[in-house]
């Protein structure tokens, strides 16, 4: 059998730099990045991690367990309000931008 993915509109933002997801900090006037605010408002559970030799990573608690996002990955808000990371090439092959609908 073959199956086609149902056309579902999702929300997504790209994790493009550390500041995109940084938690509120005094050096940033108490403001986090746009990605951080979006995930926090959606009740996502995540934390940033960086070791001296590795790139910045974001650990996200998903329905399947903890997943890791790195700079360049997309963070997707799924149909049940869950957040999870997606590699850029998979995102490009799976999703396309949609125009917002205009109320009648």
PDB file of N, CA and C in Angstrom:
ATOM      1  N   UNK A   1       0.842  -1.178   0.000  1.00  0.00           N
ATOM      2  CA  UNK A   1       0.000   0.000   0.000  1.00  0.00           C
ATOM      3  C   UNK A   1       0.889   1.244   0.000  1.00  0.00           C
ATOM      4  N   UNK A   2       0.387   2.306  -0.598  1.00  0.00           N
ATOM      5  CA  UNK A   2       1.060   3.605  -0.576  1.00  0.00           C
ATOM      6  C   UNK A   2       0.145   4.593   0.123  1.00  0.00           C
ATOM      7  N   UNK A   3       0.753   5.573   0.773  1.00  0.00           N
ATOM      8  CA  UNK A   3      -0.010   6.577   1.501  1.00  0.00           C
ATOM      9  C   UNK A   3       0.531   7.961   1.191  1.00  0.00           C
ATOM     10  N   UNK A   4      -0.365   8.931   1.211  1.00  0.00           N
ATOM     11  CA  UNK A   4       0.015  10.326   1.018  1.00  0.00           C
ATOM     12  C   UNK A   4      -0.199  11.057   2.340  1.00  0.00           C
ATOM     13  N   UNK A   5       0.720  11.928   2.682  1.00  0.00           N
ATOM     14  CA  UNK A   5       0.590  12.727   3.890  1.00  0.00           C
ATOM     15  C   UNK A   5      -0.565  13.703   3.715  1.00  0.00           C
ATOM     16  N   UNK A   6      -1.453  13.774   4.709  1.00  0.00           N
ATOM     17  CA  UNK A   6      -2.588  14.688   4.644  1.00  0.00           C
ATOM     18  C   UNK A   6      -2.094  16.131   4.592  1.00  0.00           C
ATOM     19  N   UNK A   7      -2.767  16.964   3.824  1.00  0.00           N
ATOM     20  CA  UNK A   7      -2.355  18.382   3.783  1.00  0.00           C
ATOM     21  C   UNK A   7      -2.758  19.096   5.073  1.00  0.00           C
ATOM     22  N   UNK A   8      -1.792  19.276   5.936  1.00  0.00           N
ATOM     23  CA  UNK A   8      -2.013  19.930   7.221  1.00  0.00           C
ATOM     24  C   UNK A   8      -1.111  21.149   7.288  1.00  0.00           C
ATOM     25  N   UNK A   9      -1.651  22.280   7.687  1.00  0.00           N
ATOM     26  CA  UNK A   9      -0.854  23.496   7.838  1.00  0.00           C
ATOM     27  C   UNK A   9      -0.252  23.491   9.239  1.00  0.00           C
ATOM     28  N   UNK A  10       1.067  23.687   9.309  1.00  0.00           N
ATOM     29  CA  UNK A  10       1.769  23.712  10.588  1.00  0.00           C
ATOM     30  C   UNK A  10       2.444  25.062  10.766  1.00  0.00           C
ATOM     31  N   UNK A  11       2.861  25.352  11.976  1.00  0.00           N
ATOM     32  CA  UNK A  11       3.679  26.526  12.251  1.00  0.00           C
ATOM     33  C   UNK A  11       5.114  26.046  12.401  1.00  0.00           C
ATOM     34  N   UNK A  12       6.066  26.833  11.923  1.00  0.00           N
ATOM     35  CA  UNK A  12       7.472  26.463  12.063  1.00  0.00           C
ATOM     36  C   UNK A  12       8.335  27.715  12.054  1.00  0.00           C
ATOM     37  N   UNK A  13       9.463  27.625  12.749  1.00  0.00           N
ATOM     38  CA  UNK A  13      10.461  28.687  12.741  1.00  0.00           C
ATOM     39  C   UNK A  13      11.823  28.029  12.651  1.00  0.00           C
ATOM     40  N   UNK A  14      12.760  28.696  12.007  1.00  0.00           N
ATOM     41  CA  UNK A  14      14.101  28.152  11.865  1.00  0.00           C
ATOM     42  C   UNK A  14      14.972  28.578  13.035  1.00  0.00           C
ATOM     43  N   UNK A  15      15.698  27.629  13.574  1.00  0.00           N
ATOM     44  CA  UNK A  15      16.667  27.873  14.645  1.00  0.00           C
ATOM     45  C   UNK A  15      17.937  28.320  13.948  1.00  0.00           C
ATOM     46  N   UNK A  16      18.117  29.642  13.828  1.00  0.00           N
ATOM     47  CA  UNK A  16      19.198  30.145  12.989  1.00  0.00           C
ATOM     48  C   UNK A  16      20.399  30.672  13.765  1.00  0.00           C
ATOM     49  N   UNK A  17      20.216  30.997  15.033  1.00  0.00           N
ATOM     50  CA  UNK A  17      21.359  31.428  15.833  1.00  0.00           C
ATOM     51  C   UNK A  17      21.002  31.313  17.303  1.00  0.00           C
ATOM     52  N   UNK A  18      21.999  31.376  18.148  1.00  0.00           N
ATOM     53  CA  UNK A  18      21.793  31.227  19.593  1.00  0.00           C
ATOM     54  C   UNK A  18      20.779  32.242  20.109  1.00  0.00           C
ATOM     55  N   UNK A  19      20.865  33.487  19.635  1.00  0.00           N
ATOM     56  CA  UNK A  19      19.966  34.523  20.131  1.00  0.00           C
ATOM     57  C   UNK A  19      18.513  34.231  19.778  1.00  0.00           C
ATOM     58  N   UNK A  20      18.262  33.446  18.709  1.00  0.00           N
ATOM     59  CA  UNK A  20      16.893  33.107  18.337  1.00  0.00           C
ATOM     60  C   UNK A  20      16.164  32.393  19.466  1.00  0.00           C
ATOM     61  N   UNK A  21      16.886  31.641  20.251  1.00  0.00           N
ATOM     62  CA  UNK A  21      16.234  30.835  21.269  1.00  0.00           C
ATOM     63  C   UNK A  21      16.758  31.108  22.669  1.00  0.00           C
ATOM     64  N   UNK A  22      17.518  32.167  22.837  1.00  0.00           N
ATOM     65  CA  UNK A  22      18.091  32.425  24.150  1.00  0.00           C
ATOM     66  C   UNK A  22      17.013  32.821  25.147  1.00  0.00           C
ATOM     67  N   UNK A  23      17.161  32.333  26.340  1.00  0.00           N
ATOM     68  CA  UNK A  23      16.216  32.671  27.399  1.00  0.00           C
ATOM     69  C   UNK A  23      16.395  34.137  27.771  1.00  0.00           C
ATOM     70  N   UNK A  24      15.393  34.733  28.432  1.00  0.00           N
ATOM     71  CA  UNK A  24      15.541  36.119  28.844  1.00  0.00           C
ATOM     72  C   UNK A  24      16.832  36.309  29.644  1.00  0.00           C
ATOM     73  N   UNK A  25      17.546  37.330  29.317  1.00  0.00           N
ATOM     74  CA  UNK A  25      18.826  37.569  29.986  1.00  0.00           C
ATOM     75  C   UNK A  25      19.002  39.060  30.221  1.00  0.00           C
ATOM     76  N   UNK A  26      19.690  39.445  31.310  1.00  0.00           N
ATOM     77  CA  UNK A  26      19.882  40.863  31.614  1.00  0.00           C
ATOM     78  C   UNK A  26      20.547  41.610  30.457  1.00  0.00           C
ATOM     79  N   UNK A  27      21.506  40.969  29.764  1.00  0.00           N
ATOM     80  CA  UNK A  27      22.202  41.643  28.668  1.00  0.00           C
ATOM     81  C   UNK A  27      21.302  41.851  27.454  1.00  0.00           C
ATOM     82  N   UNK A  28      20.114  41.258  27.466  1.00  0.00           N
ATOM     83  CA  UNK A  28      19.181  41.401  26.357  1.00  0.00           C
ATOM     84  C   UNK A  28      17.900  42.102  26.841  1.00  0.00           C
ATOM     85  N   UNK A  29      18.038  42.968  27.839  1.00  0.00           N
ATOM     86  CA  UNK A  29      16.897  43.690  28.429  1.00  0.00           C
ATOM     87  C   UNK A  29      15.785  42.752  28.874  1.00  0.00           C
ATOM     88  N   UNK A  30      16.154  41.561  29.321  1.00  0.00           N
ATOM     89  CA  UNK A  30      15.161  40.620  29.814  1.00  0.00           C
ATOM     90  C   UNK A  30      14.321  39.982  28.728  1.00  0.00           C
ATOM     91  N   UNK A  31      14.718  40.125  27.470  1.00  0.00           N
ATOM     92  CA  UNK A  31      13.927  39.576  26.373  1.00  0.00           C
ATOM     93  C   UNK A  31      14.623  38.362  25.779  1.00  0.00           C
ATOM     94  N   UNK A  32      13.851  37.361  25.402  1.00  0.00           N
ATOM     95  CA  UNK A  32      14.392  36.221  24.676  1.00  0.00           C
ATOM     96  C   UNK A  32      14.216  36.461  23.192  1.00  0.00           C
ATOM     97  N   UNK A  33      14.715  35.562  22.405  1.00  0.00           N
ATOM     98  CA  UNK A  33      14.551  35.656  20.969  1.00  0.00           C
ATOM     99  C   UNK A  33      13.131  35.315  20.544  1.00  0.00           C
ATOM    100  N   UNK A  34      12.805  35.606  19.299  1.00  0.00           N
ATOM    101  CA  UNK A  34      11.465  35.343  18.775  1.00  0.00           C
ATOM    102  C   UNK A  34      11.119  33.855  18.856  1.00  0.00           C
ATOM    103  N   UNK A  35      12.060  32.985  18.507  1.00  0.00           N
ATOM    104  CA  UNK A  35      11.827  31.541  18.578  1.00  0.00           C
ATOM    105  C   UNK A  35      11.555  31.114  20.017  1.00  0.00           C
ATOM    106  N   UNK A  36      12.360  31.623  20.939  1.00  0.00           N
ATOM    107  CA  UNK A  36      12.177  31.286  22.353  1.00  0.00           C
ATOM    108  C   UNK A  36      10.788  31.692  22.822  1.00  0.00           C
ATOM    109  N   UNK A  37      10.365  32.928  22.493  1.00  0.00           N
ATOM    110  CA  UNK A  37       9.044  33.410  22.929  1.00  0.00           C
ATOM    111  C   UNK A  37       7.931  32.556  22.331  1.00  0.00           C
ATOM    112  N   UNK A  38       8.070  32.189  21.052  1.00  0.00           N
ATOM    113  CA  UNK A  38       7.050  31.369  20.386  1.00  0.00           C
ATOM    114  C   UNK A  38       6.926  30.002  21.054  1.00  0.00           C
ATOM    115  N   UNK A  39       8.063  29.373  21.317  1.00  0.00           N
ATOM    116  CA  UNK A  39       8.021  28.056  21.952  1.00  0.00           C
ATOM    117  C   UNK A  39       7.521  28.158  23.390  1.00  0.00           C
ATOM    118  N   UNK A  40       7.981  29.155  24.124  1.00  0.00           N
ATOM    119  CA  UNK A  40       7.564  29.324  25.512  1.00  0.00           C
ATOM    120  C   UNK A  40       6.059  29.573  25.596  1.00  0.00           C
ATOM    121  N   UNK A  41       5.524  30.388  24.690  1.00  0.00           N
ATOM    122  CA  UNK A  41       4.075  30.668  24.706  1.00  0.00           C
ATOM    123  C   UNK A  41       3.272  29.418  24.363  1.00  0.00           C
ATOM    124  N   UNK A  42       3.882  28.477  23.648  1.00  0.00           N
ATOM    125  CA  UNK A  42       3.229  27.216  23.317  1.00  0.00           C
ATOM    126  C   UNK A  42       3.486  26.134  24.348  1.00  0.00           C
ATOM    127  N   UNK A  43       4.064  26.516  25.485  1.00  0.00           N
ATOM    128  CA  UNK A  43       4.319  25.610  26.594  1.00  0.00           C
ATOM    129  C   UNK A  43       5.336  24.522  26.258  1.00  0.00           C
ATOM    130  N   UNK A  44       6.223  24.788  25.325  1.00  0.00           N
ATOM    131  CA  UNK A  44       7.267  23.815  24.984  1.00  0.00           C
ATOM    132  C   UNK A  44       8.238  23.686  26.145  1.00  0.00           C
ATOM    133  N   UNK A  45       8.767  22.495  26.321  1.00  0.00           N
ATOM    134  CA  UNK A  45       9.800  22.272  27.319  1.00  0.00           C
ATOM    135  C   UNK A  45      11.095  22.056  26.558  1.00  0.00           C
ATOM    136  N   UNK A  46      12.047  22.980  26.739  1.00  0.00           N
ATOM    137  CA  UNK A  46      13.301  22.900  26.009  1.00  0.00           C
ATOM    138  C   UNK A  46      14.409  23.561  26.811  1.00  0.00           C
ATOM    139  N   UNK A  47      15.632  23.256  26.450  1.00  0.00           N
ATOM    140  CA  UNK A  47      16.783  23.907  27.069  1.00  0.00           C
ATOM    141  C   UNK A  47      17.899  23.991  26.042  1.00  0.00           C
ATOM    142  N   UNK A  48      18.723  24.997  26.187  1.00  0.00           N
ATOM    143  CA  UNK A  48      19.863  25.174  25.296  1.00  0.00           C
ATOM    144  C   UNK A  48      21.079  24.514  25.910  1.00  0.00           C
ATOM    145  N   UNK A  49      21.959  24.047  25.051  1.00  0.00           N
ATOM    146  CA  UNK A  49      23.151  23.354  25.513  1.00  0.00           C
ATOM    147  C   UNK A  49      24.305  23.684  24.582  1.00  0.00           C
ATOM    148  N   UNK A  50      25.445  24.012  25.152  1.00  0.00           N
ATOM    149  CA  UNK A  50      26.626  24.222  24.330  1.00  0.00           C
ATOM    150  C   UNK A  50      27.854  23.805  25.108  1.00  0.00           C
ATOM    151  N   UNK A  51      28.648  22.956  24.469  1.00  0.00           N
ATOM    152  CA  UNK A  51      29.949  22.608  25.011  1.00  0.00           C
ATOM    153  C   UNK A  51      30.968  23.357  24.174  1.00  0.00           C
ATOM    154  N   UNK A  52      32.152  23.534  24.699  1.00  0.00           N
ATOM    155  CA  UNK A  52      33.177  24.300  24.002  1.00  0.00           C
ATOM    156  C   UNK A  52      33.439  23.798  22.590  1.00  0.00           C
ATOM    157  N   UNK A  53      33.345  22.483  22.366  1.00  0.00           N
ATOM    158  CA  UNK A  53      33.701  21.928  21.060  1.00  0.00           C
ATOM    159  C   UNK A  53      32.488  21.633  20.183  1.00  0.00           C
ATOM    160  N   UNK A  54      31.286  21.881  20.683  1.00  0.00           N
ATOM    161  CA  UNK A  54      30.103  21.547  19.878  1.00  0.00           C
ATOM    162  C   UNK A  54      29.299  22.807  19.574  1.00  0.00           C
ATOM    163  N   UNK A  55      28.489  22.751  18.533  1.00  0.00           N
ATOM    164  CA  UNK A  55      27.622  23.900  18.240  1.00  0.00           C
ATOM    165  C   UNK A  55      26.494  23.999  19.263  1.00  0.00           C
ATOM    166  N   UNK A  56      25.825  25.113  19.252  1.00  0.00           N
ATOM    167  CA  UNK A  56      24.678  25.284  20.135  1.00  0.00           C
ATOM    168  C   UNK A  56      23.627  24.247  19.767  1.00  0.00           C
ATOM    169  N   UNK A  57      23.070  23.634  20.775  1.00  0.00           N
ATOM    170  CA  UNK A  57      22.012  22.651  20.582  1.00  0.00           C
ATOM    171  C   UNK A  57      20.813  23.039  21.427  1.00  0.00           C
ATOM    172  N   UNK A  58      19.633  22.662  20.969  1.00  0.00           N
ATOM    173  CA  UNK A  58      18.427  22.839  21.750  1.00  0.00           C
ATOM    174  C   UNK A  58      17.844  21.452  21.995  1.00  0.00           C
ATOM    175  N   UNK A  59      17.644  21.107  23.244  1.00  0.00           N
ATOM    176  CA  UNK A  59      17.029  19.832  23.616  1.00  0.00           C
ATOM    177  C   UNK A  59      15.545  20.107  23.824  1.00  0.00           C
ATOM    178  N   UNK A  60      14.699  19.407  23.076  1.00  0.00           N
ATOM    179  CA  UNK A  60      13.250  19.644  23.118  1.00  0.00           C
ATOM    180  C   UNK A  60      12.553  18.373  23.568  1.00  0.00           C
ATOM    181  N   UNK A  61      11.715  18.481  24.595  1.00  0.00           N
ATOM    182  CA  UNK A  61      10.923  17.332  25.024  1.00  0.00           C
ATOM    183  C   UNK A  61       9.758  17.175  24.051  1.00  0.00           C
ATOM    184  N   UNK A  62       9.724  16.034  23.363  1.00  0.00           N
ATOM    185  CA  UNK A  62       8.684  15.756  22.385  1.00  0.00           C
ATOM    186  C   UNK A  62       7.829  14.587  22.862  1.00  0.00           C
ATOM    187  N   UNK A  63       6.802  14.263  22.093  1.00  0.00           N
ATOM    188  CA  UNK A  63       5.953  13.118  22.426  1.00  0.00           C
ATOM    189  C   UNK A  63       6.742  11.810  22.358  1.00  0.00           C
ATOM    190  N   UNK A  64       7.849  11.803  21.599  1.00  0.00           N
ATOM    191  CA  UNK A  64       8.674  10.601  21.440  1.00  0.00           C
ATOM    192  C   UNK A  64       9.916  10.615  22.335  1.00  0.00           C
ATOM    193  N   UNK A  65      10.065  11.603  23.177  1.00  0.00           N
ATOM    194  CA  UNK A  65      11.243  11.720  24.027  1.00  0.00           C
ATOM    195  C   UNK A  65      12.005  12.993  23.705  1.00  0.00           C
ATOM    196  N   UNK A  66      13.194  13.140  24.267  1.00  0.00           N
ATOM    197  CA  UNK A  66      13.996  14.340  24.065  1.00  0.00           C
ATOM    198  C   UNK A  66      14.690  14.270  22.704  1.00  0.00           C
ATOM    199  N   UNK A  67      14.519  15.322  21.891  1.00  0.00           N
ATOM    200  CA  UNK A  67      15.148  15.404  20.581  1.00  0.00           C
ATOM    201  C   UNK A  67      16.065  16.625  20.566  1.00  0.00           C
ATOM    202  N   UNK A  68      17.095  16.592  19.732  1.00  0.00           N
ATOM    203  CA  UNK A  68      18.092  17.658  19.670  1.00  0.00           C
ATOM    204  C   UNK A  68      17.967  18.427  18.364  1.00  0.00           C
ATOM    205  N   UNK A  69      17.940  19.749  18.469  1.00  0.00           N
ATOM    206  CA  UNK A  69      17.969  20.637  17.299  1.00  0.00           C
ATOM    207  C   UNK A  69      19.291  21.386  17.321  1.00  0.00           C
ATOM    208  N   UNK A  70      19.866  21.599  16.145  1.00  0.00           N
ATOM    209  CA  UNK A  70      21.085  22.401  16.022  1.00  0.00           C
ATOM    210  C   UNK A  70      20.774  23.594  15.120  1.00  0.00           C
ATOM    211  N   UNK A  71      21.692  24.555  15.105  1.00  0.00           N
ATOM    212  CA  UNK A  71      21.529  25.727  14.260  1.00  0.00           C
ATOM    213  C   UNK A  71      21.244  25.257  12.824  1.00  0.00           C
ATOM    214  N   UNK A  72      20.231  25.836  12.191  1.00  0.00           N
ATOM    215  CA  UNK A  72      19.850  25.472  10.827  1.00  0.00           C
ATOM    216  C   UNK A  72      18.642  24.556  10.767  1.00  0.00           C
ATOM    217  N   UNK A  73      18.315  23.874  11.868  1.00  0.00           N
ATOM    218  CA  UNK A  73      17.122  23.030  11.908  1.00  0.00           C
ATOM    219  C   UNK A  73      15.871  23.890  12.030  1.00  0.00           C
ATOM    220  N   UNK A  74      14.749  23.319  11.674  1.00  0.00           N
ATOM    221  CA  UNK A  74      13.454  23.964  11.848  1.00  0.00           C
ATOM    222  C   UNK A  74      12.806  23.406  13.094  1.00  0.00           C
ATOM    223  N   UNK A  75      12.090  24.261  13.818  1.00  0.00           N
ATOM    224  CA  UNK A  75      11.298  23.825  14.958  1.00  0.00           C
ATOM    225  C   UNK A  75       9.844  23.899  14.504  1.00  0.00           C
ATOM    226  N   UNK A  76       9.153  22.778  14.595  1.00  0.00           N
ATOM    227  CA  UNK A  76       7.783  22.670  14.098  1.00  0.00           C
ATOM    228  C   UNK A  76       6.829  22.544  15.282  1.00  0.00           C
ATOM    229  N   UNK A  77       5.708  23.243  15.175  1.00  0.00           N
ATOM    230  CA  UNK A  77       4.621  23.068  16.139  1.00  0.00           C
ATOM    231  C   UNK A  77       3.594  22.188  15.451  1.00  0.00           C
ATOM    232  N   UNK A  78       3.402  20.978  15.973  1.00  0.00           N
ATOM    233  CA  UNK A  78       2.529  20.002  15.340  1.00  0.00           C
ATOM    234  C   UNK A  78       1.054  20.244  15.588  1.00  0.00           C
ATOM    235  N   UNK A  79       0.244  19.350  15.042  1.00  0.00           N
ATOM    236  CA  UNK A  79      -1.208  19.510  15.090  1.00  0.00           C
ATOM    237  C   UNK A  79      -1.780  19.362  16.495  1.00  0.00           C
ATOM    238  N   UNK A  80      -1.025  18.762  17.418  1.00  0.00           N
ATOM    239  CA  UNK A  80      -1.479  18.643  18.802  1.00  0.00           C
ATOM    240  C   UNK A  80      -0.805  19.660  19.711  1.00  0.00           C
ATOM    241  N   UNK A  81      -0.134  20.655  19.102  1.00  0.00           N
ATOM    242  CA  UNK A  81       0.540  21.698  19.869  1.00  0.00           C
ATOM    243  C   UNK A  81       1.922  21.294  20.342  1.00  0.00           C
ATOM    244  N   UNK A  82       2.387  20.141  19.909  1.00  0.00           N
ATOM    245  CA  UNK A  82       3.712  19.663  20.311  1.00  0.00           C
ATOM    246  C   UNK A  82       4.792  20.308  19.454  1.00  0.00           C
ATOM    247  N   UNK A  83       5.981  20.422  19.993  1.00  0.00           N
ATOM    248  CA  UNK A  83       7.116  20.988  19.267  1.00  0.00           C
ATOM    249  C   UNK A  83       8.133  19.892  19.007  1.00  0.00           C
ATOM    250  N   UNK A  84       8.764  19.939  17.840  1.00  0.00           N
ATOM    251  CA  UNK A  84       9.829  18.996  17.536  1.00  0.00           C
ATOM    252  C   UNK A  84      10.720  19.572  16.443  1.00  0.00           C
ATOM    253  N   UNK A  85      12.002  19.141  16.413  1.00  0.00           N
ATOM    254  CA  UNK A  85      12.924  19.656  15.400  1.00  0.00           C
ATOM    255  C   UNK A  85      12.823  18.874  14.097  1.00  0.00           C
ATOM    256  N   UNK A  86      13.245  19.526  13.011  1.00  0.00           N
ATOM    257  CA  UNK A  86      13.264  18.903  11.693  1.00  0.00           C
ATOM    258  C   UNK A  86      14.486  19.429  10.940  1.00  0.00           C
ATOM    259  N   UNK A  87      15.259  18.542  10.347  1.00  0.00           N
ATOM    260  CA  UNK A  87      16.428  18.948   9.562  1.00  0.00           C
ATOM    261  C   UNK A  87      15.976  19.773   8.356  1.00  0.00           C
ATOM    262  N   UNK A  88      16.815  20.732   7.950  1.00  0.00           N
ATOM    263  CA  UNK A  88      16.469  21.657   6.878  1.00  0.00           C
ATOM    264  C   UNK A  88      16.108  20.943   5.576  1.00  0.00           C
ATOM    265  N   UNK A  89      16.872  19.931   5.173  1.00  0.00           N
ATOM    266  CA  UNK A  89      16.590  19.253   3.907  1.00  0.00           C
ATOM    267  C   UNK A  89      15.269  18.484   3.948  1.00  0.00           C
ATOM    268  N   UNK A  90      14.941  17.881   5.088  1.00  0.00           N
ATOM    269  CA  UNK A  90      13.670  17.171   5.235  1.00  0.00           C
ATOM    270  C   UNK A  90      12.519  18.177   5.220  1.00  0.00           C
ATOM    271  N   UNK A  91      12.713  19.313   5.906  1.00  0.00           N
ATOM    272  CA  UNK A  91      11.686  20.352   5.930  1.00  0.00           C
ATOM    273  C   UNK A  91      11.395  20.851   4.510  1.00  0.00           C
ATOM    274  N   UNK A  92      12.455  21.123   3.750  1.00  0.00           N
ATOM    275  CA  UNK A  92      12.295  21.630   2.374  1.00  0.00           C
ATOM    276  C   UNK A  92      11.585  20.615   1.481  1.00  0.00           C
ATOM    277  N   UNK A  93      11.836  19.333   1.697  1.00  0.00           N
ATOM    278  CA  UNK A  93      11.209  18.299   0.869  1.00  0.00           C
ATOM    279  C   UNK A  93       9.767  18.015   1.282  1.00  0.00           C
ATOM    280  N   UNK A  94       9.402  18.387   2.505  1.00  0.00           N
ATOM    281  CA  UNK A  94       8.094  18.025   3.047  1.00  0.00           C
ATOM    282  C   UNK A  94       7.101  19.180   3.080  1.00  0.00           C
ATOM    283  N   UNK A  95       7.591  20.395   3.285  1.00  0.00           N
ATOM    284  CA  UNK A  95       6.708  21.536   3.502  1.00  0.00           C
ATOM    285  C   UNK A  95       6.929  22.627   2.467  1.00  0.00           C
ATOM    286  N   UNK A  96       5.883  23.388   2.211  1.00  0.00           N
ATOM    287  CA  UNK A  96       5.992  24.587   1.384  1.00  0.00           C
ATOM    288  C   UNK A  96       5.209  25.694   2.077  1.00  0.00           C
ATOM    289  N   UNK A  97       5.625  26.916   1.865  1.00  0.00           N
ATOM    290  CA  UNK A  97       4.967  28.062   2.509  1.00  0.00           C
ATOM    291  C   UNK A  97       3.540  28.208   1.985  1.00  0.00           C
ATOM    292  N   UNK A  98       2.644  28.636   2.839  1.00  0.00           N
ATOM    293  CA  UNK A  98       1.266  28.907   2.435  1.00  0.00           C
ATOM    294  C   UNK A  98       0.960  30.356   2.734  1.00  0.00           C
ATOM    295  N   UNK A  99       0.078  30.928   1.963  1.00  0.00           N
ATOM    296  CA  UNK A  99      -0.359  32.286   2.193  1.00  0.00           C
ATOM    297  C   UNK A  99      -1.451  32.265   3.267  1.00  0.00           C
ATOM    298  N   UNK A 100      -1.410  33.219   4.191  1.00  0.00           N
ATOM    299  CA  UNK A 100      -2.473  33.265   5.197  1.00  0.00           C
ATOM    300  C   UNK A 100      -3.821  33.518   4.542  1.00  0.00           C
ATOM    301  N   UNK A 101      -4.849  32.864   5.061  1.00  0.00           N
ATOM    302  CA  UNK A 101      -6.173  33.072   4.487  1.00  0.00           C
ATOM    303  C   UNK A 101      -6.738  34.410   4.951  1.00  0.00           C
ATOM    304  N   UNK A 102      -7.488  35.039   4.081  1.00  0.00           N
ATOM    305  CA  UNK A 102      -8.099  36.334   4.365  1.00  0.00           C
ATOM    306  C   UNK A 102      -9.557  36.084   4.725  1.00  0.00           C
ATOM    307  N   UNK A 103      -9.994  36.558   5.917  1.00  0.00           N
ATOM    308  CA  UNK A 103     -11.399  36.343   6.303  1.00  0.00           C
ATOM    309  C   UNK A 103     -12.341  37.047   5.320  1.00  0.00           C
ATOM    310  N   UNK A 104     -13.464  36.406   5.052  1.00  0.00           N
ATOM    311  CA  UNK A 104     -14.442  36.957   4.109  1.00  0.00           C
ATOM    312  C   UNK A 104     -15.250  38.076   4.710  1.00  0.00           C
TER     313      UNK A 104
END
